[in-house]
Amino acid sequence: MPPELETARPPLAGIGDEAAPGLAAQLAAVAELGWNRLELRTVDGVPIAEMTEGAFDRAAGAIRDGGAEVVGVAAKIGDWSRPATGDFSRDLAELEVLVRRCARLGTRMVRVMSYPSGGLEEPEWGRRARTRLRELAHRAEEGGLLLVHENCAGWAGESAERALDLLAEADSPALRLLFDTGNGVAHGYSGPGMLRRIIDRVAHVHVKDAVTAPDGGTDYVLPGAGRAGVAESLRLLAAHGYPGALSIEPHLHLRPHLRAAGTGPGRGDVQAFTAYGRHLERLLAQTWQAGEAA
């Protein structure tokens, strides 16, 4: 990091497959940034819990040998591909695998969501989501994991009230919140407004930024260049003494939900990933100390 950008800041990490499909390039990208912290989602397009034992062993060894830290695993549990009408046993099985694999990776943190409706009316949708997350949190607590629920797809994803209700229902230290700075643009709410409501329960942060596209969709941009209020969210986190990491999720060249649907970009880009990281460093130099002083 250039001396002129040196400032107090939280640990920085990146979701590796936003840089490249292969693990070697993912590790090289965070090493180039000087961060050496990786959030794992997929390796060669395969979710961490779905890798073969041999492939996972090789990946864990490469991470260890490369001296990188894994800050967390972004799981498929409750995500956009698994509606509340789906088979809950898939999520329980994935969690069981991640209990073992996270121990190997040296991390406790697992990103989860709270299920698309699958066509259910809200009362039943909410009941199923709360029941499932309560069971998952109980099992995570027994297995030594911390589940962090993202403000994305799912019953509790777009509302501070529902997110807090989810935590109250689970009543477990193994369930906390993941705040993504950019998801409000896609889902129609104010990111900083939500953050103010949930900040006491936030254990992890994803950094992305976005604007509304001319066709009504969402375009993703450099942090601070969009309409998500990223700088304001960073100041809020700093003022609150947020102790966790910031993990970049650029979405400039990879959007997993679109890739799966065959309608969007499907590969990371190392150059764009590292440029995004440098941009975040500059934004933090402008915002973090100001937030701490507020």
Protein backbone atom coordinates (compact mmCIF):
# COMPACT_ATOMS: atom_id res chain seq x y z
CA MET A 1 0.00 0.00 0.00
CA PRO A 2 1.50 3.41 -0.94
CA PRO A 3 2.55 5.50 2.11
CA GLU A 4 0.10 8.29 1.24
CA LEU A 5 -2.76 5.83 1.66
CA GLU A 6 -1.63 4.46 5.02
CA THR A 7 -4.46 4.89 7.51
CA ALA A 8 -6.23 3.00 10.23
CA ARG A 9 -8.46 0.49 8.52
CA PRO A 10 -10.07 -2.90 9.08
CA PRO A 11 -8.58 -6.09 7.62
CA LEU A 12 -9.27 -6.37 3.89
CA ALA A 13 -10.14 -9.54 1.99
CA GLY A 14 -11.72 -10.59 -1.26
CA ILE A 15 -14.16 -13.22 -2.50
CA GLY A 16 -11.68 -15.18 -4.55
CA ASP A 17 -13.77 -16.34 -7.48
CA GLU A 18 -14.52 -12.69 -8.31
CA ALA A 19 -10.87 -12.59 -9.38
CA ALA A 20 -10.56 -15.96 -11.14
CA PRO A 21 -12.02 -19.49 -11.16
CA GLY A 22 -8.76 -21.19 -10.17
CA LEU A 23 -7.38 -21.06 -6.66
CA ALA A 24 -3.82 -20.18 -7.70
CA ALA A 25 -5.03 -17.00 -9.39
CA GLN A 26 -7.33 -16.19 -6.47
CA LEU A 27 -4.40 -16.42 -4.06
CA ALA A 28 -2.21 -14.39 -6.41
CA ALA A 29 -4.81 -11.63 -6.59
CA VAL A 30 -5.05 -11.09 -2.82
CA ALA A 31 -1.27 -11.44 -2.54
CA GLU A 32 -0.79 -8.72 -5.17
CA LEU A 33 -2.97 -6.44 -3.05
CA GLY A 34 -0.85 -7.28 -0.03
CA TRP A 35 -3.91 -8.56 1.84
CA ASN A 36 -3.45 -12.36 1.83
CA ARG A 37 -7.01 -12.80 3.09
CA LEU A 38 -9.48 -14.79 1.04
CA GLU A 39 -13.18 -15.46 1.29
CA LEU A 40 -13.93 -18.73 -0.48
CA ARG A 41 -17.06 -19.34 -2.54
CA THR A 42 -16.02 -21.62 -5.39
CA VAL A 43 -12.83 -23.18 -6.75
CA ASP A 44 -12.92 -23.94 -10.46
CA GLY A 45 -16.63 -23.22 -10.33
CA VAL A 46 -17.35 -25.77 -7.59
CA PRO A 47 -18.78 -24.64 -4.22
CA ILE A 48 -16.49 -25.47 -1.30
CA ALA A 49 -18.85 -28.05 0.22
CA GLU A 50 -19.25 -29.81 -3.15
CA MET A 51 -15.55 -30.29 -3.90
CA THR A 52 -14.25 -33.82 -3.86
CA GLU A 53 -12.13 -34.73 -0.85
CA GLY A 54 -9.02 -34.81 -3.01
CA ALA A 55 -9.69 -31.43 -4.59
CA PHE A 56 -10.44 -29.88 -1.21
CA ASP A 57 -7.29 -31.36 0.34
CA ARG A 58 -5.20 -29.85 -2.46
CA ALA A 59 -6.90 -26.49 -2.08
CA ALA A 60 -6.46 -26.41 1.70
CA GLY A 61 -2.80 -27.31 1.25
CA ALA A 62 -2.25 -24.58 -1.34
CA ILE A 63 -3.84 -21.98 0.94
CA ARG A 64 -1.69 -23.09 3.86
CA ASP A 65 1.48 -23.16 1.80
CA GLY A 66 0.67 -19.73 0.36
CA GLY A 67 0.38 -18.21 3.81
CA ALA A 68 -3.13 -16.90 3.17
CA GLU A 69 -5.90 -16.56 5.75
CA VAL A 70 -9.44 -17.68 4.98
CA VAL A 71 -11.85 -15.20 6.55
CA GLY A 72 -14.95 -17.21 5.68
CA VAL A 73 -16.82 -19.46 3.28
CA ALA A 74 -19.76 -18.22 1.22
CA ALA A 75 -22.11 -21.21 1.29
CA LYS A 76 -25.16 -21.99 -0.81
CA ILE A 77 -27.31 -22.51 2.29
CA GLY A 78 -30.60 -20.64 1.82
CA ASP A 79 -29.31 -18.74 -1.22
CA TRP A 80 -31.07 -17.67 -4.42
CA SER A 81 -30.89 -21.24 -5.78
CA ARG A 82 -32.64 -22.88 -2.80
CA PRO A 83 -36.24 -21.77 -2.19
CA ALA A 84 -38.09 -22.30 1.06
CA THR A 85 -40.09 -25.02 -0.70
CA GLY A 86 -36.93 -27.00 -1.41
CA ASP A 87 -35.33 -29.92 0.40
CA PHE A 88 -33.92 -28.68 3.71
CA SER A 89 -31.73 -31.76 3.99
CA ARG A 90 -29.42 -30.26 1.33
CA ASP A 91 -28.62 -27.36 3.64
CA LEU A 92 -28.10 -29.58 6.65
CA ALA A 93 -25.77 -31.81 4.65
CA GLU A 94 -23.81 -28.80 3.38
CA LEU A 95 -23.42 -27.47 6.90
CA GLU A 96 -22.16 -30.85 8.11
CA VAL A 97 -19.46 -30.82 5.44
CA LEU A 98 -18.51 -27.23 6.24
CA VAL A 99 -18.06 -27.98 9.92
CA ARG A 100 -15.18 -30.24 8.91
CA ARG A 101 -13.83 -28.15 6.06
CA CYS A 102 -13.88 -24.82 7.87
CA ALA A 103 -11.84 -26.38 10.65
CA ARG A 104 -9.25 -27.36 8.03
CA LEU A 105 -9.31 -23.85 6.59
CA GLY A 106 -8.94 -22.16 9.97
CA THR A 107 -12.19 -20.21 9.81
CA ARG A 108 -15.50 -20.31 11.70
CA MET A 109 -17.51 -18.00 9.44
CA VAL A 110 -20.09 -19.25 6.93
CA ARG A 111 -22.25 -16.93 4.81
CA VAL A 112 -25.92 -17.97 4.55
CA MET A 113 -29.19 -16.49 3.28
CA SER A 114 -32.83 -17.04 4.22
CA TYR A 115 -34.47 -18.67 1.19
CA PRO A 116 -36.48 -17.24 -1.71
CA SER A 117 -40.19 -17.78 -1.23
CA GLY A 118 -40.63 -20.49 -3.87
CA GLY A 119 -44.15 -19.11 -4.34
CA LEU A 120 -45.17 -19.28 -0.68
CA GLU A 121 -47.23 -16.50 0.88
CA GLU A 122 -45.31 -14.36 3.37
CA PRO A 123 -46.53 -15.90 6.64
CA GLU A 124 -45.55 -19.46 5.63
CA TRP A 125 -42.39 -18.25 3.90
CA GLY A 126 -41.28 -16.45 7.04
CA ARG A 127 -42.18 -19.37 9.29
CA ARG A 128 -40.10 -21.79 7.23
CA ALA A 129 -37.15 -19.42 6.98
CA ARG A 130 -37.08 -18.77 10.72
CA THR A 131 -37.49 -22.46 11.55
CA ARG A 132 -34.70 -23.50 9.19
CA LEU A 133 -32.25 -20.85 10.37
CA ARG A 134 -32.95 -21.72 13.99
CA GLU A 135 -32.05 -25.36 13.30
CA LEU A 136 -29.00 -24.40 11.26
CA ALA A 137 -27.79 -22.06 13.99
CA HIS A 138 -28.22 -24.78 16.63
CA ARG A 139 -26.12 -27.18 14.56
CA ALA A 140 -23.55 -24.50 13.76
CA GLU A 141 -23.19 -23.75 17.47
CA GLU A 142 -22.56 -27.43 18.17
CA GLY A 143 -20.01 -27.54 15.34
CA GLY A 144 -18.14 -24.39 16.32
CA LEU A 145 -19.25 -22.29 13.34
CA LEU A 146 -20.63 -18.76 13.06
CA LEU A 147 -23.35 -18.29 10.45
CA VAL A 148 -23.62 -14.78 9.02
CA HIS A 149 -26.88 -13.97 7.23
CA GLU A 150 -26.52 -11.70 4.20
CA ASN A 151 -28.95 -8.94 3.24
CA CYS A 152 -29.62 -10.54 -0.12
CA ALA A 153 -32.01 -13.19 -1.47
CA GLY A 154 -34.39 -14.54 1.13
CA TRP A 155 -37.10 -13.72 3.62
CA ALA A 156 -34.90 -11.63 5.93
CA GLY A 157 -32.67 -10.19 3.23
CA GLU A 158 -34.36 -6.90 2.41
CA SER A 159 -35.63 -5.72 5.80
CA ALA A 160 -33.84 -4.77 9.01
CA GLU A 161 -36.95 -5.76 10.94
CA ARG A 162 -36.99 -9.25 9.47
CA ALA A 163 -33.23 -9.69 9.94
CA LEU A 164 -33.53 -8.81 13.62
CA ASP A 165 -36.61 -11.03 13.96
CA LEU A 166 -34.60 -13.89 12.45
CA LEU A 167 -31.88 -13.44 15.06
CA ALA A 168 -34.38 -13.22 17.88
CA GLU A 169 -36.11 -16.41 16.74
CA ALA A 170 -32.83 -18.33 16.46
CA ASP A 171 -31.60 -16.97 19.82
CA SER A 172 -28.12 -18.29 19.17
CA PRO A 173 -24.61 -16.80 19.34
CA ALA A 174 -23.91 -18.82 16.20
CA LEU A 175 -26.10 -16.59 14.00
CA ARG A 176 -25.16 -12.98 13.21
CA LEU A 177 -25.49 -10.67 10.21
CA LEU A 178 -23.43 -10.00 7.10
CA PHE A 179 -23.98 -6.52 5.66
CA ASP A 180 -23.39 -6.10 1.93
CA THR A 181 -22.98 -2.41 1.13
CA GLY A 182 -24.34 -2.68 -2.42
CA ASN A 183 -27.35 -4.96 -2.22
CA GLY A 184 -29.79 -2.17 -1.42
CA VAL A 185 -29.63 -0.82 -4.97
CA ALA A 186 -30.68 -4.16 -6.47
CA HIS A 187 -33.34 -4.81 -3.83
CA GLY A 188 -34.78 -1.30 -3.44
CA TYR A 189 -33.74 -0.07 0.00
CA SER A 190 -31.18 2.28 1.52
CA GLY A 191 -28.02 0.42 2.52
CA PRO A 192 -26.93 2.94 5.16
CA GLY A 193 -30.50 3.09 6.45
CA MET A 194 -30.53 -0.66 7.00
CA LEU A 195 -27.05 -0.64 8.49
CA ARG A 196 -28.06 1.87 11.18
CA ARG A 197 -30.71 -0.58 12.36
CA ILE A 198 -28.57 -3.73 12.42
CA ILE A 199 -25.04 -2.49 13.06
CA ASP A 200 -24.81 -4.00 16.55
CA ARG A 201 -25.32 -7.45 15.04
CA VAL A 202 -23.00 -7.20 12.02
CA ALA A 203 -20.11 -9.68 12.10
CA HIS A 204 -18.92 -9.43 8.47
CA VAL A 205 -19.12 -6.96 5.58
CA HIS A 206 -19.08 -7.33 1.79
CA VAL A 207 -18.16 -4.26 -0.23
CA LYS A 208 -19.83 -3.64 -3.56
CA ASP A 209 -21.44 -0.60 -5.18
CA ALA A 210 -24.10 -0.26 -7.84
CA VAL A 211 -26.35 1.98 -9.92
CA THR A 212 -29.73 1.34 -11.47
CA ALA A 213 -29.27 0.47 -15.14
CA PRO A 214 -31.33 2.13 -17.93
CA ASP A 215 -33.30 -1.10 -18.35
CA GLY A 216 -34.21 -1.12 -14.66
CA GLY A 217 -31.63 -3.73 -13.73
CA THR A 218 -28.45 -3.20 -11.74
CA ASP A 219 -24.98 -2.26 -12.93
CA TYR A 220 -22.02 -2.66 -10.58
CA VAL A 221 -19.30 -0.02 -10.28
CA LEU A 222 -16.20 0.86 -8.26
CA PRO A 223 -16.80 1.40 -4.53
CA GLY A 224 -17.93 4.96 -3.90
CA ALA A 225 -18.85 5.55 -7.56
CA GLY A 226 -22.43 4.28 -7.31
CA ARG A 227 -25.67 5.00 -5.48
CA ALA A 228 -25.35 2.49 -2.63
CA GLY A 229 -23.94 4.93 -0.07
CA VAL A 230 -20.74 2.94 0.38
CA ALA A 231 -18.74 5.84 1.85
CA GLU A 232 -21.52 6.56 4.34
CA SER A 233 -21.70 2.90 5.34
CA LEU A 234 -17.93 2.80 5.88
CA ARG A 235 -18.10 5.87 8.11
CA LEU A 236 -20.92 4.29 10.11
CA LEU A 237 -18.93 1.08 10.59
CA ALA A 238 -15.84 3.02 11.66
CA ALA A 239 -17.79 5.17 14.11
CA HIS A 240 -19.32 2.04 15.61
CA GLY A 241 -15.93 0.38 16.07
CA TYR A 242 -16.67 -2.48 13.67
CA PRO A 243 -13.99 -5.11 14.43
CA GLY A 244 -14.35 -7.43 11.44
CA ALA A 245 -13.03 -7.63 7.89
CA LEU A 246 -14.20 -5.94 4.70
CA SER A 247 -14.40 -8.42 1.83
CA ILE A 248 -14.67 -7.08 -1.72
CA GLU A 249 -17.29 -8.59 -4.02
CA PRO A 250 -16.97 -6.43 -7.14
CA HIS A 251 -19.56 -8.16 -9.36
CA LEU A 252 -17.90 -6.42 -12.29
CA HIS A 253 -17.16 -9.65 -14.17
CA LEU A 254 -18.87 -12.36 -12.13
CA ARG A 255 -22.44 -12.54 -10.86
CA PRO A 256 -23.06 -16.12 -9.73
CA HIS A 257 -26.86 -15.99 -9.91
CA LEU A 258 -26.73 -14.73 -13.51
CA ARG A 259 -24.03 -17.21 -14.50
CA ALA A 260 -26.19 -20.06 -13.23
CA ALA A 261 -29.11 -18.74 -15.26
CA GLY A 262 -26.95 -18.39 -18.36
CA THR A 263 -27.78 -14.68 -18.67
CA GLY A 264 -24.72 -12.90 -17.34
CA PRO A 265 -20.95 -12.80 -16.96
CA GLY A 266 -19.40 -15.92 -15.60
CA ARG A 267 -15.69 -15.43 -14.95
CA GLY A 268 -13.69 -13.35 -12.55
CA ASP A 269 -11.04 -10.91 -13.69
CA VAL A 270 -7.79 -10.50 -11.76
CA GLN A 271 -6.94 -7.06 -13.12
CA ALA A 272 -10.41 -5.67 -12.35
CA PHE A 273 -10.34 -7.32 -8.92
CA THR A 274 -7.03 -5.77 -7.91
CA ALA A 275 -8.04 -2.36 -9.30
CA TYR A 276 -11.20 -2.59 -7.22
CA GLY A 277 -9.15 -3.38 -4.13
CA ARG A 278 -6.87 -0.38 -4.69
CA HIS A 279 -9.92 1.83 -5.13
CA LEU A 280 -11.32 0.60 -1.82
CA GLU A 281 -8.01 1.39 -0.11
CA ARG A 282 -8.24 4.97 -1.36
CA LEU A 283 -11.86 5.25 -0.26
CA LEU A 284 -10.97 3.98 3.20
CA ALA A 285 -8.19 6.56 3.45
CA GLN A 286 -10.90 9.21 2.95
CA THR A 287 -13.58 7.73 5.19
CA TRP A 288 -12.40 5.41 7.95
CA GLN A 289 -10.52 7.83 10.20
CA ALA A 290 -13.26 10.42 9.71
CA GLY A 291 -15.80 7.83 10.85
CA GLU A 292 -13.70 6.88 13.89
CA ALA A 293 -13.48 10.55 14.85
CA ALA A 294 -17.23 11.14 14.51
